[in-house]
Structures are given as structure tokens and as C-alpha cells.
Protein backbone atom coordinates (compact mmCIF):
# COMPACT_ATOMS: atom_id res chain seq x y z
CA UNK A 1 -94.78 173.50 17.59
CA UNK A 2 -90.97 172.57 17.30
CA UNK A 3 -89.90 169.77 19.92
CA UNK A 4 -86.66 168.02 20.38
CA UNK A 5 -87.08 165.00 21.69
CA UNK A 6 -84.11 163.11 23.24
CA UNK A 7 -83.49 159.31 23.35
CA UNK A 8 -85.75 159.27 20.68
CA UNK A 9 -84.75 155.35 19.79
CA UNK A 10 -85.83 154.20 22.96
CA UNK A 11 -88.62 152.74 24.48
CA UNK A 12 -90.97 156.37 26.15
CA UNK A 13 -88.84 158.24 23.70
CA UNK A 14 -90.36 156.46 20.34
CA UNK A 15 -93.86 156.47 21.78
CA UNK A 16 -93.66 159.96 22.90
CA UNK A 17 -92.77 161.34 19.18
CA UNK A 18 -95.66 159.29 17.52
CA UNK A 19 -97.72 160.90 20.06
CA UNK A 20 -96.64 164.44 18.94
CA UNK A 21 -96.34 163.54 15.59
CA UNK A 22 -99.76 162.37 15.45
CA UNK A 23 -101.35 165.52 16.72
CA UNK A 24 -98.93 167.75 14.20
CA UNK A 25 -96.28 168.76 15.96
CA UNK A 26 -92.83 169.01 14.19
CA UNK A 27 -90.33 166.32 16.25
CA UNK A 28 -86.49 166.06 15.43
CA UNK A 29 -84.64 163.31 17.67
CA UNK A 30 -81.83 162.72 18.63
CA UNK A 31 -80.13 159.24 20.06
CA UNK A 32 -76.93 157.53 20.47
CA UNK A 33 -78.22 154.22 19.68
CA UNK A 34 -75.39 152.90 22.05
CA UNK A 35 -75.50 148.60 23.03
CA UNK A 36 -76.25 148.84 26.14
CA UNK A 37 -78.97 146.88 24.60
CA UNK A 38 -79.66 145.23 20.97
CA UNK A 39 -79.38 148.75 18.54
CA UNK A 40 -81.75 146.71 16.03
CA UNK A 41 -84.54 147.14 18.53
CA UNK A 42 -83.45 150.79 18.58
CA UNK A 43 -83.51 150.82 14.90
CA UNK A 44 -86.83 149.26 14.64
CA UNK A 45 -88.75 151.65 16.83
CA UNK A 46 -86.93 154.57 14.21
CA UNK A 47 -88.46 152.70 11.44
CA UNK A 48 -91.59 153.28 12.35
CA UNK A 49 -91.18 156.68 12.89
CA UNK A 50 -88.96 157.99 9.58
CA UNK A 51 -91.87 157.54 7.37
CA UNK A 52 -93.71 159.72 9.40
CA UNK A 53 -94.20 163.50 8.05
CA UNK A 54 -93.10 165.97 10.64
CA UNK A 55 -90.11 163.99 11.88
CA UNK A 56 -86.60 164.08 11.47
CA UNK A 57 -83.66 162.27 13.37
CA UNK A 58 -80.17 163.26 13.60
CA UNK A 59 -77.23 160.37 15.61
CA UNK A 60 -76.04 162.64 18.29
CA UNK A 61 -74.55 161.82 21.90
CA UNK A 62 -76.27 164.12 24.34
CA UNK A 63 -72.75 164.18 25.88
CA UNK A 64 -71.23 165.69 22.64
CA UNK A 65 -71.37 169.03 23.83
CA UNK A 66 -70.54 170.86 20.25
CA UNK A 67 -72.96 168.66 18.69
CA UNK A 68 -75.90 169.75 20.82
CA UNK A 69 -74.97 173.07 20.98
CA UNK A 70 -74.72 173.36 17.20
CA UNK A 71 -77.99 171.46 16.96
CA UNK A 72 -80.20 173.83 19.13
CA UNK A 73 -78.49 176.94 17.13
CA UNK A 74 -79.43 175.43 13.84
CA UNK A 75 -83.39 174.74 14.97
CA UNK A 76 -84.66 176.94 17.64
CA UNK A 77 -86.92 174.15 19.43
CA UNK A 78 -90.25 175.26 21.20
CA UNK A 79 -89.79 172.96 23.74
CA UNK A 80 -87.22 169.69 24.51
CA UNK A 81 -88.37 166.36 26.09
CA UNK A 82 -84.85 165.09 27.40
CA UNK A 83 -85.55 161.22 28.12
CA UNK A 84 -81.63 160.47 26.77
CA UNK A 85 -80.24 158.57 29.71
CA UNK A 86 -78.09 155.96 30.90
CA UNK A 87 -80.52 153.55 32.61
CA UNK A 88 -80.47 150.77 34.92
CA UNK A 89 -79.80 150.51 38.69
CA UNK A 90 -77.74 147.38 38.28
CA UNK A 91 -75.48 148.45 35.30
CA UNK A 92 -74.40 151.80 37.39
CA UNK A 93 -72.64 149.47 40.00
CA UNK A 94 -70.21 147.75 37.15
CA UNK A 95 -70.56 151.12 34.27
CA UNK A 96 -70.51 154.13 36.81
CA UNK A 97 -68.77 155.97 34.15
CA UNK A 98 -71.14 156.00 31.49
CA UNK A 99 -73.58 157.81 33.70
CA UNK A 100 -71.51 160.03 34.78
CA UNK A 101 -71.02 161.03 30.85
CA UNK A 102 -74.84 160.50 29.85
CA UNK A 103 -76.82 161.43 32.79
CA UNK A 104 -74.30 164.52 34.26
CA UNK A 105 -72.80 165.52 31.17
CA UNK A 106 -75.22 165.09 28.95
CA UNK A 107 -78.07 166.70 30.99
CA UNK A 108 -75.54 169.69 31.64
CA UNK A 109 -75.17 170.33 27.94
CA UNK A 110 -78.77 170.07 27.38
CA UNK A 111 -79.51 172.73 29.92
CA UNK A 112 -77.00 174.82 28.46
CA UNK A 113 -78.26 174.50 24.94
CA UNK A 114 -81.87 175.64 26.36
CA UNK A 115 -80.08 178.81 28.15
CA UNK A 116 -78.07 179.64 25.20
CA UNK A 117 -81.18 179.35 22.96
CA UNK A 118 -84.36 179.71 25.12
CA UNK A 119 -87.22 177.28 24.67
CA UNK A 120 -90.27 177.64 26.32
CA UNK A 121 -90.26 174.42 28.56
CA UNK A 122 -88.04 172.28 28.96
CA UNK A 123 -89.23 168.41 30.67
CA UNK A 124 -87.15 165.87 31.33
CA UNK A 125 -87.29 162.07 33.16
CA UNK A 126 -86.26 161.83 36.53
CA UNK A 127 -87.11 158.46 38.09
CA UNK A 128 -88.28 156.98 41.23
CA UNK A 129 -85.43 155.55 42.19
CA UNK A 130 -84.71 158.82 43.88
CA UNK A 131 -86.81 157.98 46.88
CA UNK A 132 -83.54 155.50 47.69
CA UNK A 133 -84.16 153.80 50.90
CA UNK A 134 -87.35 155.68 51.71
CA UNK A 135 -90.23 153.27 53.11
CA UNK A 136 -93.00 155.79 53.77
CA UNK A 137 -95.42 154.54 51.21
CA UNK A 138 -96.60 155.88 48.43
CA UNK A 139 -93.74 158.19 47.95
CA UNK A 140 -94.90 161.70 47.34
CA UNK A 141 -93.08 164.76 45.86
CA UNK A 142 -92.78 166.24 49.53
CA UNK A 143 -91.00 163.25 50.61
CA UNK A 144 -86.89 164.23 51.31
CA UNK A 145 -85.15 162.22 48.80
CA UNK A 146 -81.51 162.80 50.21
CA UNK A 147 -80.52 158.80 50.58
CA UNK A 148 -80.00 157.07 46.71
CA UNK A 149 -78.96 153.66 46.91
CA UNK A 150 -77.81 153.64 43.47
CA UNK A 151 -75.45 155.56 41.39
CA UNK A 152 -78.08 155.45 38.56
CA UNK A 153 -80.29 157.30 41.13
CA UNK A 154 -78.14 159.69 42.53
CA UNK A 155 -77.78 161.13 38.89
CA UNK A 156 -81.44 161.42 38.65
CA UNK A 157 -81.47 163.13 41.71
CA UNK A 158 -78.53 165.69 40.48
CA UNK A 159 -80.82 166.20 37.50
CA UNK A 160 -83.31 167.57 39.59
CA UNK A 161 -81.19 169.41 41.18
CA UNK A 162 -79.43 170.92 38.46
CA UNK A 163 -82.81 171.46 36.61
CA UNK A 164 -83.84 173.96 39.48
CA UNK A 165 -80.43 176.00 39.56
CA UNK A 166 -80.75 176.68 35.66
CA UNK A 167 -84.76 177.23 36.85
CA UNK A 168 -83.47 179.74 39.26
CA UNK A 169 -80.99 181.60 37.74
CA UNK A 170 -82.26 181.68 34.20
CA UNK A 171 -86.03 181.27 34.52
CA UNK A 172 -85.89 178.36 32.37
CA UNK A 173 -89.13 176.30 32.94
CA UNK A 174 -88.42 172.86 34.05
CA UNK A 175 -89.96 170.04 35.01
CA UNK A 176 -89.10 166.60 36.09
CA UNK A 177 -91.07 163.36 35.73
CA UNK A 178 -89.93 160.55 38.39
CA UNK A 179 -91.21 157.59 36.03
CA UNK A 180 -92.78 154.56 38.26
CA UNK A 181 -91.29 150.84 36.89
CA UNK A 182 -92.57 151.57 33.01
CA UNK A 183 -93.52 148.84 30.59
CA UNK A 184 -95.44 148.05 27.41
CA UNK A 185 -94.82 147.08 23.70
CA UNK A 186 -91.43 147.97 22.13
CA UNK A 187 -89.70 147.79 25.54
CA UNK A 188 -86.43 147.67 27.04
CA UNK A 189 -84.65 144.26 26.88
CA UNK A 190 -83.07 144.73 30.15
CA UNK A 191 -86.69 145.51 32.23
CA UNK A 192 -87.90 142.33 34.24
CA UNK A 193 -91.59 142.23 32.23
CA UNK A 194 -89.34 141.82 28.74
CA UNK A 195 -86.44 139.32 30.12
CA UNK A 196 -89.05 137.20 32.09
CA UNK A 197 -91.09 136.81 28.63
CA UNK A 198 -88.06 135.90 26.94
CA UNK A 199 -87.46 133.09 29.31
CA UNK A 200 -90.47 131.90 29.85
CA UNK A 201 -91.24 131.12 26.18
CA UNK A 202 -87.55 129.35 25.82
CA UNK A 203 -88.49 127.35 29.05
CA UNK A 204 -85.50 129.00 30.90
CA UNK A 205 -85.74 129.82 34.98
CA UNK A 206 -86.44 133.69 35.92
CA UNK A 207 -84.79 135.15 38.67
CA UNK A 208 -86.87 136.68 41.50
CA UNK A 209 -84.62 138.84 43.37
CA UNK A 210 -85.26 138.91 47.52
CA UNK A 211 -87.34 135.74 46.80
CA UNK A 212 -90.22 137.51 45.24
CA UNK A 213 -90.70 140.08 48.58
CA UNK A 214 -90.62 142.90 46.44
CA UNK A 215 -93.83 145.40 44.93
CA UNK A 216 -93.60 147.88 42.60
CA UNK A 217 -96.25 150.17 41.07
CA UNK A 218 -96.08 149.10 37.44
CA UNK A 219 -97.25 151.89 35.05
CA UNK A 220 -98.37 151.51 31.20
CA UNK A 221 -96.47 153.40 28.44
CA UNK A 222 -99.64 154.60 27.34
CA UNK A 223 -100.37 156.52 31.15
CA UNK A 224 -96.36 157.90 30.89
CA UNK A 225 -97.15 159.20 27.71
CA UNK A 226 -100.11 160.87 28.76
CA UNK A 227 -98.03 162.21 31.18
CA UNK A 228 -95.02 163.66 29.19
CA UNK A 229 -97.47 165.39 26.82
CA UNK A 230 -99.79 166.69 29.18
CA UNK A 231 -97.25 168.54 31.24
CA UNK A 232 -95.18 169.55 28.01
CA UNK A 233 -98.31 171.35 27.35
CA UNK A 234 -98.21 173.02 30.51
CA UNK A 235 -94.55 175.05 31.11
CA UNK A 236 -93.76 175.10 34.87
CA UNK A 237 -94.38 178.18 37.10
CA UNK A 238 -93.67 179.08 40.17
CA UNK A 239 -95.67 178.01 43.13
CA UNK A 240 -97.80 180.26 44.69
CA UNK A 241 -97.52 178.46 48.17
CA UNK A 242 -94.09 177.76 48.31
CA UNK A 243 -92.83 178.93 51.56
CA UNK A 244 -88.91 179.35 51.75
CA UNK A 245 -89.00 179.41 55.69
CA UNK A 246 -91.01 175.68 55.47
CA UNK A 247 -89.16 174.57 51.91
CA UNK A 248 -91.57 171.90 50.16
CA UNK A 249 -88.67 169.35 47.89
CA UNK A 250 -90.98 168.89 45.21
CA UNK A 251 -91.88 172.92 45.04
CA UNK A 252 -90.18 176.35 44.53
CA UNK A 253 -90.12 179.86 43.67
CA UNK A 254 -88.83 179.40 40.45
CA UNK A 255 -90.42 177.80 37.25
CA UNK A 256 -89.70 174.52 38.19
CA UNK A 257 -92.19 171.69 38.96
CA UNK A 258 -91.42 167.71 39.76
CA UNK A 259 -94.36 164.83 39.59
CA UNK A 260 -94.93 161.61 39.84
CA UNK A 261 -96.13 159.04 37.18
CA UNK A 262 -97.00 155.80 38.52
CA UNK A 263 -100.12 153.41 38.98
CA UNK A 264 -101.02 154.12 41.99
CA UNK A 265 -101.32 150.21 42.69
CA UNK A 266 -98.34 148.47 43.99
CA UNK A 267 -98.28 145.21 43.40
CA UNK A 268 -96.33 141.87 44.43
CA UNK A 269 -93.93 140.23 42.36
CA UNK A 270 -95.68 137.23 42.24
CA UNK A 271 -98.96 138.91 40.89
CA UNK A 272 -96.88 140.70 37.96
CA UNK A 273 -95.32 137.00 37.28
CA UNK A 274 -98.64 135.89 37.44
CA UNK A 275 -99.64 138.38 35.00
CA UNK A 276 -96.70 137.17 32.65
CA UNK A 277 -97.71 133.70 32.73
CA UNK A 278 -101.21 133.90 32.16
CA UNK A 279 -100.79 136.60 29.03
CA UNK A 280 -98.03 133.54 27.64
CA UNK A 281 -100.18 130.59 28.62
CA UNK A 282 -97.03 128.95 30.58
CA UNK A 283 -95.83 128.79 33.91
CA UNK A 284 -92.51 130.22 34.63
CA UNK A 285 -90.15 128.18 36.15
CA UNK A 286 -88.61 130.76 39.29
CA UNK A 287 -85.06 130.60 41.06
CA UNK A 288 -85.25 132.42 44.27
CA UNK A 289 -82.02 134.74 44.68
CA UNK A 290 -81.26 137.12 47.11
CA UNK A 291 -81.95 141.14 47.15
CA UNK A 292 -79.73 142.45 45.20
CA UNK A 293 -77.19 145.43 45.45
CA UNK A 294 -78.72 148.74 44.67
CA UNK A 295 -82.37 147.52 44.67
CA UNK A 296 -85.35 149.09 47.24
CA UNK A 297 -88.10 146.56 48.54
CA UNK A 298 -91.07 148.44 47.52
CA UNK A 299 -92.01 151.50 45.37
CA UNK A 300 -95.56 153.35 45.19
CA UNK A 301 -96.61 156.33 43.43
CA UNK A 302 -98.76 159.11 45.11
CA UNK A 303 -99.92 160.93 41.91
CA UNK A 304 -102.21 163.50 43.43
CA UNK A 305 -99.78 166.22 42.40
CA UNK A 306 -99.60 165.56 39.03
CA UNK A 307 -103.41 164.86 38.84
CA UNK A 308 -103.90 168.38 40.21
CA UNK A 309 -101.84 169.90 37.57
CA UNK A 310 -102.88 168.14 34.54
CA UNK A 311 -106.16 166.17 35.73
CA UNK A 312 -104.62 162.96 34.78
CA UNK A 313 -104.92 160.02 37.01
CA UNK A 314 -102.88 156.54 35.13
CA UNK A 315 -104.73 153.29 35.78
CA UNK A 316 -103.95 150.54 33.20
CA UNK A 317 -104.37 147.43 35.18
CA UNK A 318 -101.77 145.07 34.91
CA UNK A 319 -102.90 142.39 33.33
CA UNK A 320 -104.20 144.37 30.36
CA UNK A 321 -101.05 146.27 30.03
CA UNK A 322 -98.99 142.86 30.15
CA UNK A 323 -101.05 141.14 27.32
CA UNK A 324 -100.80 143.84 25.19
CA UNK A 325 -96.78 143.63 25.76
CA UNK A 326 -96.74 139.80 25.53
CA UNK A 327 -99.16 140.29 21.98
CA UNK A 328 -96.39 142.62 20.89
CA UNK A 329 -94.00 140.32 21.84
CA UNK A 330 -94.51 137.49 19.95
CA UNK A 331 -95.54 139.67 16.69
CA UNK A 332 -92.32 141.32 16.91
CA UNK A 333 -90.17 138.04 17.47
CA UNK A 334 -92.80 136.50 14.67
CA UNK A 335 -93.37 133.33 17.94
């Protein structure tokens, strides 16, 4: 099977590529290698992939319409995993146009290319951020997601709507995956666990927002990859149970699906910090700060729909996953 992975030099993209290559798939990866965070880390991820048989990389921005069209015309992909996006809730407040270009125009380019050069399945990254200001826990695909609290979240919700339109009009099977706070080796430096680790080892204070009164459903990268690959292998189909008279937000009479992927174990920020301290053998200096614009107090994933569809049940313990990250961090930075 020939698979396109967009954002292949990214955190999740690299891990998904490794998994597909290990089972013998042909993988074409694209990435714009931008400087949202240190491009050297992206290059290091690519250095792991490039020697592997069956992998090819092309530097390409999904916002480059002509480039995306040419790629699809030349390669004739079987399936697509679309992970390229401008990430970050807080960054979306200061750099809104980057999100329009990558997350909206870029996603439209991928959808159009999949229509013009048909693929068996498009799997794309959504986010738990789409739940916005919802306080009903755990978050379910049956919940309305009409109140985003960041532009990033709004673009991810827009992606789901755009995908449904193409599934309806052109019968393109699409599956959106709402990732919940992904962490692990080779992660993103802008994420809290990465920056906390760096600052603790440097003896610098770590910012603890909302005075630490926050919860997250921290999800280990291997569980995310398991979900992406399992869903990729099972193209979306219309839901027999869908009733247009009482529409379910996560189902459709088109070949369209939405799934949460989370650890099903929301933990307080204090436990998260304690896990990092234990893995590093050092205590953090904490700087308590107010809630940040665009942030939410808690996230929690109901993954029953994913379990019913794939049989998967994510659940890597936080301390185990954080220890693996800390070990990787020390090795990568030679500490």
C-alpha cells in the first residue's frame, strides 16, 4: 500500500511513518520544515526515516496548491494520513494567518487532491481542542462542538466540516481523529512536558497556569499511532444508525467518521509535574500564573466509539510514558 503522510517530519508523522514502514508499506512523506520550532529536530526525525526502504521525502507545503496537485497526479496514493498543520493554541492568538494558510487552505488542497485523484481513505488530525468551553466530562463525539475558544480549535472544527462535505458530495471516505494531549519521545518542544523537562534540568522555574488547577488526558504516542494505523486500515463507512431527524454530530449517512483518541485517565497538572520530577530525579521550581487566553481547564476522552470501531483501548500509564520521554531527552541532548 502506498501512503502519503503530510507532516512527516513532525512528532506524530515520524512515528506513524515508522510503523507503516515496519509492516512493509510504501510511504511518501511531505513537510514544509518551517521554523515554528527548531528545524534541527525535524531534520533529525527525517534522518531516522530516510535510510528505511520504502520511504521517500519531498519538501512541500500543503498550502502550495500546485505542488500538492502535481504530487498526487504523479504518485497515485492508495491512502492519505494528513497530519500537517499549524499547531498550538497560544500561537494562534498571535499568528492567526498561519492557521488560515496551513489548516484551512492546506486542508482544502488535500481534500481536492483526494477528489481529483481518488484514494481509498483520508485520515486527518483533528484535536480535543474542538470541545472548546464544554464542561461535560468525558468529551464524547456525540457532544456538540460549536463553541471553540481558540482560532486553532476553530480551524480543526472547520476541517471536520470540510471533510464531511467531501464525504457527502464525492463519497470520499474520511476519518478525523481528535487527539488528546500527545506526549512521548521525539515530541514537540512547545509542549509543556518538553519545556518543563528542559527548564527543570536547567534549574529554571516552570510556568504553572491557572495556579495548577488544570487536568489533561495525557496520551502516549504509541497509543496515538495504534489508533491512526487501525483507523487507516478501516475506511470510513456510512453509519447505519444515523438518523437525520436526530443527527449525531460524530456520525453521518456519508462515509465519514470522527473518533477521540485519549488515555481515558485525566490527571491534574500537579501529578503530571510530579511524574516529570520523578523521571528526572529533580524537583521543579514552580511559578504559578493565571489562566492563559484560549486555554481550557480540563480535557477527558470517551474512547468507546474508537474501541467499538477498532478494538483499541488506549491506556499507557503516565509515569511509564514520561520516563520513556525523559530517557529519550537525555540521550538526544547528551545530558
